[in-house]
Amino acid sequence: MKKRDLHIIRDLERFRVMSRDDIAHLYFNHLKDPIKNANTVLKRLVRDGHIQVSEQFRPYVYFPINSTVKKNSTKIPHFLKIVDVYRQLLQYYSPDVFQVEPKYKKGLAEPDIYTIIKGTPFFIEIQRSI
């Protein structure tokens, strides 16, 4: 398995779910046809049992093999928005730390994202509703 494939699997574990377009943007954007290349790699990873796929979304969404997220969960768009925030941050700066839904002591804040950018810590909350 290529190093890139291991990074894809690691990011699926970190973000819990990613769309094909997210994966294509993060790992295949430097290629001539990122979507086609992503499809080929993702199809192989699913076939070999390294990741799972849900065909209920367009583009398809992918999960780590040990995912506890249901394939039709209402939290999937929320997790996809977290990946979108990460992609937007990468346009300007690669964060030193990017943790998805970190868990702290009971009674403390439970942000969607904890990140450190240029030495400054940020808690980010994703709100999809009004």
Protein backbone atom coordinates (compact mmCIF):
# COMPACT_ATOMS: atom_id res chain seq x y z
CA MET A 1 0.00 0.00 0.00
CA LYS A 2 1.30 3.44 -0.92
CA LYS A 3 2.09 6.12 1.63
CA ARG A 4 -0.67 8.26 0.09
CA ASP A 5 -3.22 5.48 0.70
CA LEU A 6 -2.22 5.32 4.37
CA HIS A 7 -2.64 9.10 4.63
CA ILE A 8 -6.13 8.84 3.13
CA ILE A 9 -7.07 6.15 5.66
CA ARG A 10 -5.57 8.22 8.51
CA ASP A 11 -7.57 11.29 7.44
CA LEU A 12 -10.75 9.22 7.20
CA GLU A 13 -10.16 8.17 10.80
CA ARG A 14 -9.54 11.78 11.83
CA PHE A 15 -12.50 13.34 9.99
CA ARG A 16 -14.76 10.24 10.33
CA VAL A 17 -16.12 10.74 6.80
CA MET A 18 -14.91 12.43 3.62
CA SER A 19 -16.41 12.86 0.18
CA ARG A 20 -14.70 11.75 -2.98
CA ASP A 21 -14.21 15.41 -3.91
CA ASP A 22 -12.53 16.16 -0.56
CA ILE A 23 -10.11 13.28 -1.05
CA ALA A 24 -9.46 14.26 -4.67
CA HIS A 25 -8.71 17.85 -3.63
CA LEU A 26 -6.39 16.91 -0.76
CA TYR A 27 -4.46 14.08 -2.41
CA PHE A 28 -4.84 14.24 -6.19
CA ASN A 29 -5.18 17.95 -6.98
CA HIS A 30 -1.69 18.08 -8.50
CA LEU A 31 -2.63 15.50 -11.16
CA LYS A 32 -4.20 16.10 -14.57
CA ASP A 33 -7.50 14.36 -13.69
CA PRO A 34 -7.84 14.32 -9.87
CA ILE A 35 -11.40 12.91 -9.85
CA LYS A 36 -10.54 9.94 -12.06
CA ASN A 37 -7.41 9.16 -10.03
CA ALA A 38 -9.28 9.46 -6.75
CA ASN A 39 -12.04 7.17 -8.01
CA THR A 40 -9.50 4.53 -9.02
CA VAL A 41 -7.67 4.58 -5.68
CA LEU A 42 -10.85 4.72 -3.59
CA LYS A 43 -12.42 1.86 -5.52
CA ARG A 44 -9.31 -0.25 -4.86
CA LEU A 45 -9.25 0.66 -1.14
CA VAL A 46 -12.93 -0.32 -0.81
CA ARG A 47 -12.41 -3.54 -2.79
CA ASP A 48 -9.45 -4.52 -0.61
CA GLY A 49 -11.42 -3.86 2.59
CA HIS A 50 -9.39 -0.88 3.84
CA ILE A 51 -12.28 1.64 3.81
CA GLN A 52 -16.08 1.70 3.49
CA VAL A 53 -18.31 3.65 1.11
CA SER A 54 -21.84 5.02 1.20
CA GLU A 55 -23.47 5.38 -2.19
CA GLN A 56 -26.42 7.30 -0.69
CA PHE A 57 -24.59 10.59 -1.28
CA ARG A 58 -23.33 12.24 -4.46
CA PRO A 59 -20.39 12.32 -4.66
CA TYR A 60 -19.95 9.11 -2.64
CA VAL A 61 -18.70 9.44 0.91
CA TYR A 62 -16.04 7.23 2.48
CA PHE A 63 -15.51 5.99 6.03
CA PRO A 64 -12.70 4.24 7.88
CA ILE A 65 -13.21 0.49 8.15
CA ASN A 66 -13.99 0.63 11.89
CA SER A 67 -16.42 3.56 11.60
CA THR A 68 -19.20 3.97 14.15
CA VAL A 69 -20.97 6.52 11.94
CA LYS A 70 -24.03 5.04 10.24
CA LYS A 71 -23.99 5.27 6.45
CA ASN A 72 -27.19 7.37 6.50
CA SER A 73 -26.43 9.42 9.62
CA THR A 74 -27.68 12.99 9.79
CA LYS A 75 -24.22 13.93 11.17
CA ILE A 76 -22.51 13.19 7.84
CA PRO A 77 -23.09 16.71 6.40
CA HIS A 78 -21.69 18.13 9.67
CA PHE A 79 -18.50 16.06 9.36
CA LEU A 80 -18.19 17.02 5.68
CA LYS A 81 -18.37 20.69 6.69
CA ILE A 82 -15.47 20.11 9.12
CA VAL A 83 -13.42 18.75 6.20
CA ASP A 84 -14.45 21.83 4.21
CA VAL A 85 -13.11 24.12 6.95
CA TYR A 86 -9.83 22.18 6.85
CA ARG A 87 -9.63 22.56 3.07
CA GLN A 88 -10.27 26.31 3.37
CA LEU A 89 -7.55 26.69 6.01
CA LEU A 90 -5.06 24.88 3.77
CA GLN A 91 -5.51 27.57 1.11
CA TYR A 92 -3.77 30.02 3.45
CA TYR A 93 -1.77 28.03 5.96
CA SER A 94 -1.20 24.44 7.03
CA PRO A 95 -2.29 24.31 10.69
CA ASP A 96 0.17 22.92 13.23
CA VAL A 97 -2.68 21.02 14.95
CA PHE A 98 -6.14 20.15 13.65
CA GLN A 99 -8.26 17.99 15.96
CA VAL A 100 -11.83 17.02 15.18
CA GLU A 101 -14.23 17.03 18.15
CA PRO A 102 -11.53 16.82 20.83
CA LYS A 103 -12.67 15.53 24.21
CA TYR A 104 -11.70 17.39 27.35
CA LYS A 105 -12.64 17.08 31.02
CA LYS A 106 -16.35 16.95 31.74
CA GLY A 107 -17.85 20.44 31.94
CA LEU A 108 -15.36 22.05 29.55
CA ALA A 109 -16.09 23.23 26.03
CA GLU A 110 -16.54 20.57 23.35
CA PRO A 111 -15.69 22.33 20.08
CA ASP A 112 -16.01 20.77 16.64
CA ILE A 113 -12.43 21.72 15.85
CA TYR A 114 -9.36 22.60 17.88
CA THR A 115 -6.55 23.99 15.78
CA ILE A 116 -3.32 25.94 16.20
CA ILE A 117 -2.46 28.39 13.45
CA LYS A 118 0.84 30.27 13.62
CA GLY A 119 1.07 29.54 17.34
CA THR A 120 -2.44 30.77 18.13
CA PRO A 121 -4.99 28.21 19.39
CA PHE A 122 -8.56 28.32 18.06
CA PHE A 123 -11.76 26.52 18.97
CA ILE A 124 -14.10 26.36 15.98
CA GLU A 125 -17.77 25.45 16.12
CA ILE A 126 -19.57 24.45 12.90
CA GLN A 127 -23.18 25.60 12.80
CA ARG A 128 -25.18 24.38 9.82
CA SER A 129 -28.53 25.74 10.97
CA ILE A 130 -29.68 29.24 11.77
